Amino acid sequence: LGIVGDKWSLLIVRNLSQGPRRFTELKRAVDGISKRMLTVTLRDL
């Protein structure tokens, strides 16, 4: 629950529900996430 329940994971999963996305597309779509946090969250997921 800690992994999948954090705000970044849920926002990424929400964006990926529309189909495959590239890193830069996710970065633009998830307001406020840093490149490092996006990288870490994607690796965890």
All heavy atoms as atom14 arrays in JSON, in Angstrom:
{
  "sequence": "LGIVGDKWSLLIVRNLSQGPRRFTELKRAVDGISKRMLTVTLRDL",
  "atom14_mask": [
    [1, 1, 1, 1, 1, 1, 1, 1, 0, 0, 0, 0, 0, 0],
    [1, 1, 1, 1, 0, 0, 0, 0, 0, 0, 0, 0, 0, 0],
    [1, 1, 1, 1, 1, 1, 1, 1, 0, 0, 0, 0, 0, 0],
    [1, 1, 1, 1, 1, 1, 1, 0, 0, 0, 0, 0, 0, 0],
    [1, 1, 1, 1, 0, 0, 0, 0, 0, 0, 0, 0, 0, 0],
    [1, 1, 1, 1, 1, 1, 1, 1, 0, 0, 0, 0, 0, 0],
    [1, 1, 1, 1, 1, 1, 1, 1, 1, 0, 0, 0, 0, 0],
    [1, 1, 1, 1, 1, 1, 1, 1, 1, 1, 1, 1, 1, 1],
    [1, 1, 1, 1, 1, 1, 0, 0, 0, 0, 0, 0, 0, 0],
    [1, 1, 1, 1, 1, 1, 1, 1, 0, 0, 0, 0, 0, 0],
    [1, 1, 1, 1, 1, 1, 1, 1, 0, 0, 0, 0, 0, 0],
    [1, 1, 1, 1, 1, 1, 1, 1, 0, 0, 0, 0, 0, 0],
    [1, 1, 1, 1, 1, 1, 1, 0, 0, 0, 0, 0, 0, 0],
    [1, 1, 1, 1, 1, 1, 1, 1, 1, 1, 1, 0, 0, 0],
    [1, 1, 1, 1, 1, 1, 1, 1, 0, 0, 0, 0, 0, 0],
    [1, 1, 1, 1, 1, 1, 1, 1, 0, 0, 0, 0, 0, 0],
    [1, 1, 1, 1, 1, 1, 0, 0, 0, 0, 0, 0, 0, 0],
    [1, 1, 1, 1, 1, 1, 1, 1, 1, 0, 0, 0, 0, 0],
    [1, 1, 1, 1, 0, 0, 0, 0, 0, 0, 0, 0, 0, 0],
    [1, 1, 1, 1, 1, 1, 1, 0, 0, 0, 0, 0, 0, 0],
    [1, 1, 1, 1, 1, 1, 1, 1, 1, 1, 1, 0, 0, 0],
    [1, 1, 1, 1, 1, 1, 1, 1, 1, 1, 1, 0, 0, 0],
    [1, 1, 1, 1, 1, 1, 1, 1, 1, 1, 1, 0, 0, 0],
    [1, 1, 1, 1, 1, 1, 1, 0, 0, 0, 0, 0, 0, 0],
    [1, 1, 1, 1, 1, 1, 1, 1, 1, 0, 0, 0, 0, 0],
    [1, 1, 1, 1, 1, 1, 1, 1, 0, 0, 0, 0, 0, 0],
    [1, 1, 1, 1, 1, 1, 1, 1, 1, 0, 0, 0, 0, 0],
    [1, 1, 1, 1, 1, 1, 1, 1, 1, 1, 1, 0, 0, 0],
    [1, 1, 1, 1, 1, 0, 0, 0, 0, 0, 0, 0, 0, 0],
    [1, 1, 1, 1, 1, 1, 1, 0, 0, 0, 0, 0, 0, 0],
    [1, 1, 1, 1, 1, 1, 1, 1, 0, 0, 0, 0, 0, 0],
    [1, 1, 1, 1, 0, 0, 0, 0, 0, 0, 0, 0, 0, 0],
    [1, 1, 1, 1, 1, 1, 1, 1, 0, 0, 0, 0, 0, 0],
    [1, 1, 1, 1, 1, 1, 0, 0, 0, 0, 0, 0, 0, 0],
    [1, 1, 1, 1, 1, 1, 1, 1, 1, 0, 0, 0, 0, 0],
    [1, 1, 1, 1, 1, 1, 1, 1, 1, 1, 1, 0, 0, 0],
    [1, 1, 1, 1, 1, 1, 1, 1, 0, 0, 0, 0, 0, 0],
    [1, 1, 1, 1, 1, 1, 1, 1, 0, 0, 0, 0, 0, 0],
    [1, 1, 1, 1, 1, 1, 1, 0, 0, 0, 0, 0, 0, 0],
    [1, 1, 1, 1, 1, 1, 1, 0, 0, 0, 0, 0, 0, 0],
    [1, 1, 1, 1, 1, 1, 1, 0, 0, 0, 0, 0, 0, 0],
    [1, 1, 1, 1, 1, 1, 1, 1, 0, 0, 0, 0, 0, 0],
    [1, 1, 1, 1, 1, 1, 1, 1, 1, 1, 1, 0, 0, 0],
    [1, 1, 1, 1, 1, 1, 1, 1, 0, 0, 0, 0, 0, 0],
    [1, 1, 1, 1, 1, 1, 1, 1, 0, 0, 0, 0, 0, 0]
  ],
  "atom14_positions": [
    [[0.83, -1.21, 0.0], [0.0, 0.0, 0.0], [0.86, 1.25, 0.0], [0.51, 2.25, -0.63], [-0.95, 0.0, 1.2], [-2.09, -1.0, 1.12], [-2.83, -1.06, 2.45], [-3.03, -0.66, -0.02], [0.0, 0.0, 0.0], [0.0, 0.0, 0.0], [0.0, 0.0, 0.0], [0.0, 0.0, 0.0], [0.0, 0.0, 0.0], [0.0, 0.0, 0.0]],
    [[1.99, 1.22, 0.68], [2.9, 2.37, 0.68], [3.47, 2.64, -0.7], [3.67, 3.8, -1.08], [0.0, 0.0, 0.0], [0.0, 0.0, 0.0], [0.0, 0.0, 0.0], [0.0, 0.0, 0.0], [0.0, 0.0, 0.0], [0.0, 0.0, 0.0], [0.0, 0.0, 0.0], [0.0, 0.0, 0.0], [0.0, 0.0, 0.0], [0.0, 0.0, 0.0]],
    [[3.72, 1.6, -1.45], [4.29, 1.76, -2.79], [3.24, 2.27, -3.77], [3.45, 3.24, -4.47], [4.89, 0.42, -3.27], [6.11, 0.06, -2.41], [5.27, 0.49, -4.75], [6.56, -1.37, -2.55], [0.0, 0.0, 0.0], [0.0, 0.0, 0.0], [0.0, 0.0, 0.0], [0.0, 0.0, 0.0], [0.0, 0.0, 0.0], [0.0, 0.0, 0.0]],
    [[2.11, 1.6, -3.8], [1.1, 1.96, -4.81], [0.19, 3.08, -4.35], [-0.56, 3.62, -5.16], [0.26, 0.74, -5.24], [1.13, -0.33, -5.84], [-0.56, 0.2, -4.08], [0.0, 0.0, 0.0], [0.0, 0.0, 0.0], [0.0, 0.0, 0.0], [0.0, 0.0, 0.0], [0.0, 0.0, 0.0], [0.0, 0.0, 0.0], [0.0, 0.0, 0.0]],
    [[0.26, 3.44, -3.08], [-0.64, 4.47, -2.56], [-0.04, 5.86, -2.51], [-0.73, 6.79, -2.12], [0.0, 0.0, 0.0], [0.0, 0.0, 0.0], [0.0, 0.0, 0.0], [0.0, 0.0, 0.0], [0.0, 0.0, 0.0], [0.0, 0.0, 0.0], [0.0, 0.0, 0.0], [0.0, 0.0, 0.0], [0.0, 0.0, 0.0], [0.0, 0.0, 0.0]],
    [[1.2, 6.01, -2.9], [1.76, 7.36, -2.86], [1.24, 8.16, -4.05], [0.83, 7.61, -5.07], [3.29, 7.34, -2.81], [3.93, 7.06, -4.15], [4.16, 5.87, -4.46], [4.21, 8.03, -4.86], [0.0, 0.0, 0.0], [0.0, 0.0, 0.0], [0.0, 0.0, 0.0], [0.0, 0.0, 0.0], [0.0, 0.0, 0.0], [0.0, 0.0, 0.0]],
    [[1.26, 9.47, -3.9], [0.62, 10.33, -4.91], [1.24, 10.18, -6.29], [0.54, 10.21, -7.29], [0.64, 11.79, -4.47], [2.03, 12.38, -4.33], [1.96, 13.8, -3.85], [3.33, 14.38, -3.62], [3.28, 15.73, -3.11], [0.0, 0.0, 0.0], [0.0, 0.0, 0.0], [0.0, 0.0, 0.0], [0.0, 0.0, 0.0], [0.0, 0.0, 0.0]],
    [[2.56, 10.03, -6.36], [3.18, 9.96, -7.68], [2.8, 8.67, -8.41], [2.52, 8.69, -9.61], [4.7, 10.09, -7.58], [5.15, 11.37, -6.96], [5.97, 11.51, -5.87], [4.81, 12.71, -7.36], [6.16, 12.84, -5.58], [5.46, 13.6, -6.47], [4.02, 13.24, -8.36], [5.36, 14.98, -6.58], [3.91, 14.63, -8.47], [4.57, 15.48, -7.59]],
    [[2.81, 7.55, -7.69], [2.47, 6.28, -8.33], [1.07, 6.31, -8.92], [0.85, 5.88, -10.06], [2.57, 5.13, -7.32], [3.9, 4.93, -6.92], [0.0, 0.0, 0.0], [0.0, 0.0, 0.0], [0.0, 0.0, 0.0], [0.0, 0.0, 0.0], [0.0, 0.0, 0.0], [0.0, 0.0, 0.0], [0.0, 0.0, 0.0], [0.0, 0.0, 0.0]],
    [[0.11, 6.82, -8.14], [-1.26, 6.83, -8.63], [-1.43, 7.76, -9.82], [-2.17, 7.45, -10.76], [-2.22, 7.23, -7.5], [-2.36, 6.21, -6.38], [-3.37, 6.68, -5.35], [-2.74, 4.84, -6.92], [0.0, 0.0, 0.0], [0.0, 0.0, 0.0], [0.0, 0.0, 0.0], [0.0, 0.0, 0.0], [0.0, 0.0, 0.0], [0.0, 0.0, 0.0]],
    [[-0.73, 8.89, -9.81], [-0.83, 9.8, -10.95], [-0.18, 9.2, -12.2], [-0.68, 9.38, -13.32], [-0.21, 11.15, -10.6], [-0.99, 11.95, -9.55], [-0.2, 13.18, -9.11], [-2.37, 12.33, -10.06], [0.0, 0.0, 0.0], [0.0, 0.0, 0.0], [0.0, 0.0, 0.0], [0.0, 0.0, 0.0], [0.0, 0.0, 0.0], [0.0, 0.0, 0.0]],
    [[0.91, 8.49, -12.02], [1.56, 7.82, -13.16], [0.65, 6.72, -13.7], [0.45, 6.62, -14.92], [2.94, 7.28, -12.75], [3.91, 8.44, -12.52], [3.48, 6.3, -13.8], [5.19, 8.05, -11.83], [0.0, 0.0, 0.0], [0.0, 0.0, 0.0], [0.0, 0.0, 0.0], [0.0, 0.0, 0.0], [0.0, 0.0, 0.0], [0.0, 0.0, 0.0]],
    [[0.1, 5.91, -12.82], [-0.81, 4.84, -13.25], [-2.0, 5.44, -13.98], [-2.42, 4.92, -15.02], [-1.25, 3.98, -12.04], [-2.42, 3.08, -12.41], [-0.08, 3.16, -11.52], [0.0, 0.0, 0.0], [0.0, 0.0, 0.0], [0.0, 0.0, 0.0], [0.0, 0.0, 0.0], [0.0, 0.0, 0.0], [0.0, 0.0, 0.0], [0.0, 0.0, 0.0]],
    [[-2.52, 6.54, -13.48], [-3.65, 7.19, -14.14], [-3.28, 7.62, -15.56], [-4.05, 7.42, -16.5], [-4.09, 8.4, -13.34], [-5.3, 9.09, -13.94], [-5.75, 10.23, -13.04], [-7.03, 10.72, -13.5], [-7.36, 12.0, -13.51], [-6.5, 12.9, -13.1], [-8.53, 12.38, -13.92], [0.0, 0.0, 0.0], [0.0, 0.0, 0.0], [0.0, 0.0, 0.0]],
    [[-2.1, 8.2, -15.73], [-1.67, 8.64, -17.06], [-1.4, 7.47, -17.99], [-1.65, 7.56, -19.19], [-0.43, 9.53, -16.94], [-0.8, 10.95, -16.63], [-1.2, 11.67, -17.52], [-0.72, 11.33, -15.37], [0.0, 0.0, 0.0], [0.0, 0.0, 0.0], [0.0, 0.0, 0.0], [0.0, 0.0, 0.0], [0.0, 0.0, 0.0], [0.0, 0.0, 0.0]],
    [[-0.9, 6.38, -17.45], [-0.62, 5.21, -18.29], [-1.88, 4.45, -18.67], [-1.84, 3.61, -19.57], [0.39, 4.28, -17.6], [1.81, 4.81, -17.5], [2.68, 3.86, -16.7], [2.4, 5.06, -18.88], [0.0, 0.0, 0.0], [0.0, 0.0, 0.0], [0.0, 0.0, 0.0], [0.0, 0.0, 0.0], [0.0, 0.0, 0.0], [0.0, 0.0, 0.0]],
    [[-2.99, 4.74, -18.01], [-4.24, 4.05, -18.37], [-4.69, 4.42, -19.78], [-5.49, 3.71, -20.38], [-5.34, 4.38, -17.35], [-5.72, 5.74, -17.46], [0.0, 0.0, 0.0], [0.0, 0.0, 0.0], [0.0, 0.0, 0.0], [0.0, 0.0, 0.0], [0.0, 0.0, 0.0], [0.0, 0.0, 0.0], [0.0, 0.0, 0.0], [0.0, 0.0, 0.0]],
    [[-4.17, 5.51, -20.3], [-4.52, 5.96, -21.65], [-3.62, 5.32, -22.71], [-3.74, 5.63, -23.89], [-4.42, 7.48, -21.72], [-5.35, 8.15, -20.73], [-4.97, 9.61, -20.48], [-4.17, 10.19, -21.2], [-5.56, 10.19, -19.46], [0.0, 0.0, 0.0], [0.0, 0.0, 0.0], [0.0, 0.0, 0.0], [0.0, 0.0, 0.0], [0.0, 0.0, 0.0]],
    [[-2.69, 4.47, -22.29], [-1.81, 3.79, -23.22], [-0.36, 4.07, -22.9], [-0.05, 4.82, -21.97], [0.0, 0.0, 0.0], [0.0, 0.0, 0.0], [0.0, 0.0, 0.0], [0.0, 0.0, 0.0], [0.0, 0.0, 0.0], [0.0, 0.0, 0.0], [0.0, 0.0, 0.0], [0.0, 0.0, 0.0], [0.0, 0.0, 0.0], [0.0, 0.0, 0.0]],
    [[0.56, 3.48, -23.65], [1.99, 3.66, -23.39], [2.4, 5.12, -23.48], [1.85, 5.88, -24.28], [2.67, 2.85, -24.5], [1.63, 1.94, -25.04], [0.31, 2.61, -24.8], [0.0, 0.0, 0.0], [0.0, 0.0, 0.0], [0.0, 0.0, 0.0], [0.0, 0.0, 0.0], [0.0, 0.0, 0.0], [0.0, 0.0, 0.0], [0.0, 0.0, 0.0]],
    [[3.35, 5.5, -22.64], [3.85, 6.88, -22.61], [5.37, 6.85, -22.49], [5.95, 5.98, -21.86], [3.3, 7.66, -21.42], [1.79, 7.85, -21.41], [1.4, 8.94, -22.39], [-0.01, 9.2, -22.34], [-0.9, 8.72, -23.19], [-0.53, 7.94, -24.17], [-2.16, 9.03, -23.09], [0.0, 0.0, 0.0], [0.0, 0.0, 0.0], [0.0, 0.0, 0.0]],
    [[5.98, 7.85, -23.08], [7.42, 8.05, -22.93], [7.67, 8.85, -21.66], [6.78, 9.51, -21.13], [7.98, 8.76, -24.15], [7.85, 7.88, -25.41], [8.49, 8.49, -26.59], [9.93, 8.54, -26.41], [10.78, 9.0, -27.32], [10.33, 9.45, -28.47], [12.07, 9.02, -27.08], [0.0, 0.0, 0.0], [0.0, 0.0, 0.0], [0.0, 0.0, 0.0]],
    [[8.91, 8.83, -21.21], [9.3, 9.52, -19.99], [8.92, 11.0, -20.05], [8.32, 11.54, -19.11], [10.82, 9.37, -19.77], [11.31, 9.95, -18.48], [11.4, 9.16, -17.34], [11.7, 11.29, -18.41], [11.86, 9.7, -16.15], [12.16, 11.82, -17.21], [12.24, 11.02, -16.09], [0.0, 0.0, 0.0], [0.0, 0.0, 0.0], [0.0, 0.0, 0.0]],
    [[9.25, 11.65, -21.15], [8.98, 13.09, -21.26], [7.48, 13.38, -21.25], [7.06, 14.41, -20.71], [9.62, 13.69, -22.52], [9.2, 12.93, -23.66], [11.13, 13.67, -22.44], [0.0, 0.0, 0.0], [0.0, 0.0, 0.0], [0.0, 0.0, 0.0], [0.0, 0.0, 0.0], [0.0, 0.0, 0.0], [0.0, 0.0, 0.0], [0.0, 0.0, 0.0]],
    [[6.69, 12.5, -21.82], [5.24, 12.68, -21.78], [4.72, 12.59, -20.35], [3.87, 13.38, -19.94], [4.54, 11.63, -22.66], [4.8, 11.78, -24.14], [4.22, 10.63, -24.94], [4.54, 9.46, -24.63], [3.44, 10.92, -25.86], [0.0, 0.0, 0.0], [0.0, 0.0, 0.0], [0.0, 0.0, 0.0], [0.0, 0.0, 0.0], [0.0, 0.0, 0.0]],
    [[5.24, 11.62, -19.61], [4.83, 11.47, -18.21], [5.28, 12.67, -17.39], [4.54, 13.17, -16.55], [5.39, 10.18, -17.61], [4.75, 8.89, -18.11], [5.56, 7.68, -17.67], [3.31, 8.79, -17.64], [0.0, 0.0, 0.0], [0.0, 0.0, 0.0], [0.0, 0.0, 0.0], [0.0, 0.0, 0.0], [0.0, 0.0, 0.0], [0.0, 0.0, 0.0]],
    [[6.48, 13.14, -17.65], [7.01, 14.3, -16.92], [6.11, 15.52, -17.12], [5.81, 16.25, -16.17], [8.45, 14.59, -17.38], [9.09, 15.82, -16.78], [9.51, 15.58, -15.34], [10.25, 16.76, -14.75], [9.39, 17.83, -14.27], [0.0, 0.0, 0.0], [0.0, 0.0, 0.0], [0.0, 0.0, 0.0], [0.0, 0.0, 0.0], [0.0, 0.0, 0.0]],
    [[5.67, 15.73, -18.34], [4.77, 16.86, -18.62], [3.39, 16.66, -18.01], [2.75, 17.61, -17.55], [4.61, 17.05, -20.14], [5.74, 17.83, -20.78], [5.39, 18.23, -22.2], [5.09, 17.09, -23.06], [5.97, 16.49, -23.85], [7.21, 16.92, -23.91], [5.62, 15.46, -24.59], [0.0, 0.0, 0.0], [0.0, 0.0, 0.0], [0.0, 0.0, 0.0]],
    [[2.91, 15.43, -17.99], [1.55, 15.14, -17.53], [1.4, 15.15, -16.01], [0.33, 15.44, -15.5], [1.09, 13.79, -18.08], [0.0, 0.0, 0.0], [0.0, 0.0, 0.0], [0.0, 0.0, 0.0], [0.0, 0.0, 0.0], [0.0, 0.0, 0.0], [0.0, 0.0, 0.0], [0.0, 0.0, 0.0], [0.0, 0.0, 0.0], [0.0, 0.0, 0.0]],
    [[2.48, 14.81, -15.29], [2.41, 14.72, -13.83], [3.0, 16.0, -13.26], [4.22, 16.11, -13.05], [3.14, 13.46, -13.31], [3.04, 13.37, -11.8], [2.55, 12.2, -13.95], [0.0, 0.0, 0.0], [0.0, 0.0, 0.0], [0.0, 0.0, 0.0], [0.0, 0.0, 0.0], [0.0, 0.0, 0.0], [0.0, 0.0, 0.0], [0.0, 0.0, 0.0]],
    [[2.14, 16.95, -13.0], [2.54, 18.28, -12.54], [3.29, 18.21, -11.21], [2.81, 17.59, -10.25], [1.3, 19.16, -12.38], [1.66, 20.61, -12.1], [2.65, 21.1, -12.68], [0.96, 21.24, -11.29], [0.0, 0.0, 0.0], [0.0, 0.0, 0.0], [0.0, 0.0, 0.0], [0.0, 0.0, 0.0], [0.0, 0.0, 0.0], [0.0, 0.0, 0.0]],
    [[4.47, 18.81, -11.17], [5.22, 18.93, -9.93], [6.23, 17.82, -9.66], [7.01, 17.92, -8.72], [0.0, 0.0, 0.0], [0.0, 0.0, 0.0], [0.0, 0.0, 0.0], [0.0, 0.0, 0.0], [0.0, 0.0, 0.0], [0.0, 0.0, 0.0], [0.0, 0.0, 0.0], [0.0, 0.0, 0.0], [0.0, 0.0, 0.0], [0.0, 0.0, 0.0]],
    [[6.24, 16.77, -10.46], [7.18, 15.68, -10.21], [8.54, 16.02, -10.81], [8.63, 16.57, -11.92], [6.65, 14.33, -10.75], [7.47, 13.16, -10.19], [6.63, 14.32, -12.27], [6.84, 11.8, -10.42], [0.0, 0.0, 0.0], [0.0, 0.0, 0.0], [0.0, 0.0, 0.0], [0.0, 0.0, 0.0], [0.0, 0.0, 0.0], [0.0, 0.0, 0.0]],
    [[9.6, 15.74, -10.06], [10.95, 15.98, -10.57], [11.38, 14.79, -11.44], [10.79, 13.71, -11.37], [11.94, 16.13, -9.41], [12.09, 14.9, -8.72], [0.0, 0.0, 0.0], [0.0, 0.0, 0.0], [0.0, 0.0, 0.0], [0.0, 0.0, 0.0], [0.0, 0.0, 0.0], [0.0, 0.0, 0.0], [0.0, 0.0, 0.0], [0.0, 0.0, 0.0]],
    [[12.41, 15.0, -12.26], [12.92, 13.91, -13.09], [13.38, 12.75, -12.22], [13.11, 11.59, -12.53], [14.09, 14.4, -13.96], [13.67, 15.25, -15.11], [14.87, 15.63, -15.96], [14.45, 16.47, -17.15], [15.59, 16.82, -18.01], [0.0, 0.0, 0.0], [0.0, 0.0, 0.0], [0.0, 0.0, 0.0], [0.0, 0.0, 0.0], [0.0, 0.0, 0.0]],
    [[14.06, 13.07, -11.14], [14.56, 12.02, -10.25], [13.42, 11.23, -9.62], [13.45, 10.01, -9.59], [15.44, 12.62, -9.16], [16.03, 11.57, -8.23], [16.83, 12.16, -7.1], [17.42, 11.34, -6.12], [17.01, 10.17, -5.65], [15.97, 9.61, -6.11], [17.65, 9.51, -4.7], [0.0, 0.0, 0.0], [0.0, 0.0, 0.0], [0.0, 0.0, 0.0]],
    [[12.39, 11.92, -9.14], [11.26, 11.23, -8.51], [10.49, 10.4, -9.53], [10.04, 9.29, -9.23], [10.33, 12.23, -7.82], [9.19, 11.57, -7.06], [9.7, 10.3, -5.86], [10.55, 11.29, -4.68], [0.0, 0.0, 0.0], [0.0, 0.0, 0.0], [0.0, 0.0, 0.0], [0.0, 0.0, 0.0], [0.0, 0.0, 0.0], [0.0, 0.0, 0.0]],
    [[10.37, 10.91, -10.74], [9.71, 10.14, -11.79], [10.5, 8.87, -12.09], [9.93, 7.78, -12.18], [9.53, 10.98, -13.06], [8.86, 10.29, -14.24], [7.49, 9.73, -13.88], [8.76, 11.26, -15.42], [0.0, 0.0, 0.0], [0.0, 0.0, 0.0], [0.0, 0.0, 0.0], [0.0, 0.0, 0.0], [0.0, 0.0, 0.0], [0.0, 0.0, 0.0]],
    [[11.81, 8.99, -12.19], [12.67, 7.83, -12.44], [12.53, 6.8, -11.32], [12.34, 5.6, -11.59], [14.14, 8.27, -12.58], [14.25, 9.16, -13.69], [15.05, 7.08, -12.78], [0.0, 0.0, 0.0], [0.0, 0.0, 0.0], [0.0, 0.0, 0.0], [0.0, 0.0, 0.0], [0.0, 0.0, 0.0], [0.0, 0.0, 0.0], [0.0, 0.0, 0.0]],
    [[12.61, 7.24, -10.09], [12.52, 6.34, -8.94], [11.15, 5.65, -8.91], [11.05, 4.43, -8.71], [12.77, 7.11, -7.62], [12.39, 6.29, -6.4], [14.22, 7.54, -7.53], [0.0, 0.0, 0.0], [0.0, 0.0, 0.0], [0.0, 0.0, 0.0], [0.0, 0.0, 0.0], [0.0, 0.0, 0.0], [0.0, 0.0, 0.0], [0.0, 0.0, 0.0]],
    [[10.1, 6.41, -9.13], [8.75, 5.85, -9.08], [8.52, 4.86, -10.21], [7.94, 3.79, -10.0], [7.7, 6.99, -9.11], [7.98, 7.91, -8.05], [6.3, 6.43, -8.94], [0.0, 0.0, 0.0], [0.0, 0.0, 0.0], [0.0, 0.0, 0.0], [0.0, 0.0, 0.0], [0.0, 0.0, 0.0], [0.0, 0.0, 0.0], [0.0, 0.0, 0.0]],
    [[8.99, 5.19, -11.41], [8.85, 4.26, -12.53], [9.6, 2.96, -12.25], [9.08, 1.86, -12.53], [9.35, 4.9, -13.83], [8.47, 6.0, -14.41], [9.2, 6.74, -15.52], [7.13, 5.44, -14.9], [0.0, 0.0, 0.0], [0.0, 0.0, 0.0], [0.0, 0.0, 0.0], [0.0, 0.0, 0.0], [0.0, 0.0, 0.0], [0.0, 0.0, 0.0]],
    [[10.79, 3.05, -11.69], [11.56, 1.84, -11.36], [10.83, 0.99, -10.32], [10.77, -0.23, -10.43], [12.95, 2.21, -10.85], [13.87, 2.65, -11.95], [15.25, 2.97, -11.41], [16.1, 3.47, -12.48], [17.18, 4.19, -12.3], [17.58, 4.49, -11.07], [17.89, 4.6, -13.32], [0.0, 0.0, 0.0], [0.0, 0.0, 0.0], [0.0, 0.0, 0.0]],
    [[10.28, 1.65, -9.3], [9.54, 0.92, -8.26], [8.32, 0.23, -8.84], [8.04, -0.94, -8.53], [9.11, 1.86, -7.13], [10.27, 2.32, -6.26], [11.37, 1.7, -6.33], [10.08, 3.29, -5.51], [0.0, 0.0, 0.0], [0.0, 0.0, 0.0], [0.0, 0.0, 0.0], [0.0, 0.0, 0.0], [0.0, 0.0, 0.0], [0.0, 0.0, 0.0]],
    [[7.58, 0.92, -9.7], [6.38, 0.34, -10.3], [6.74, -0.81, -11.24], [6.02, -1.81, -11.32], [5.58, 1.42, -11.03], [4.9, 2.46, -10.14], [4.32, 3.59, -10.98], [3.83, 1.82, -9.27], [0.0, 0.0, 0.0], [0.0, 0.0, 0.0], [0.0, 0.0, 0.0], [0.0, 0.0, 0.0], [0.0, 0.0, 0.0], [0.0, 0.0, 0.0]]
  ]
}
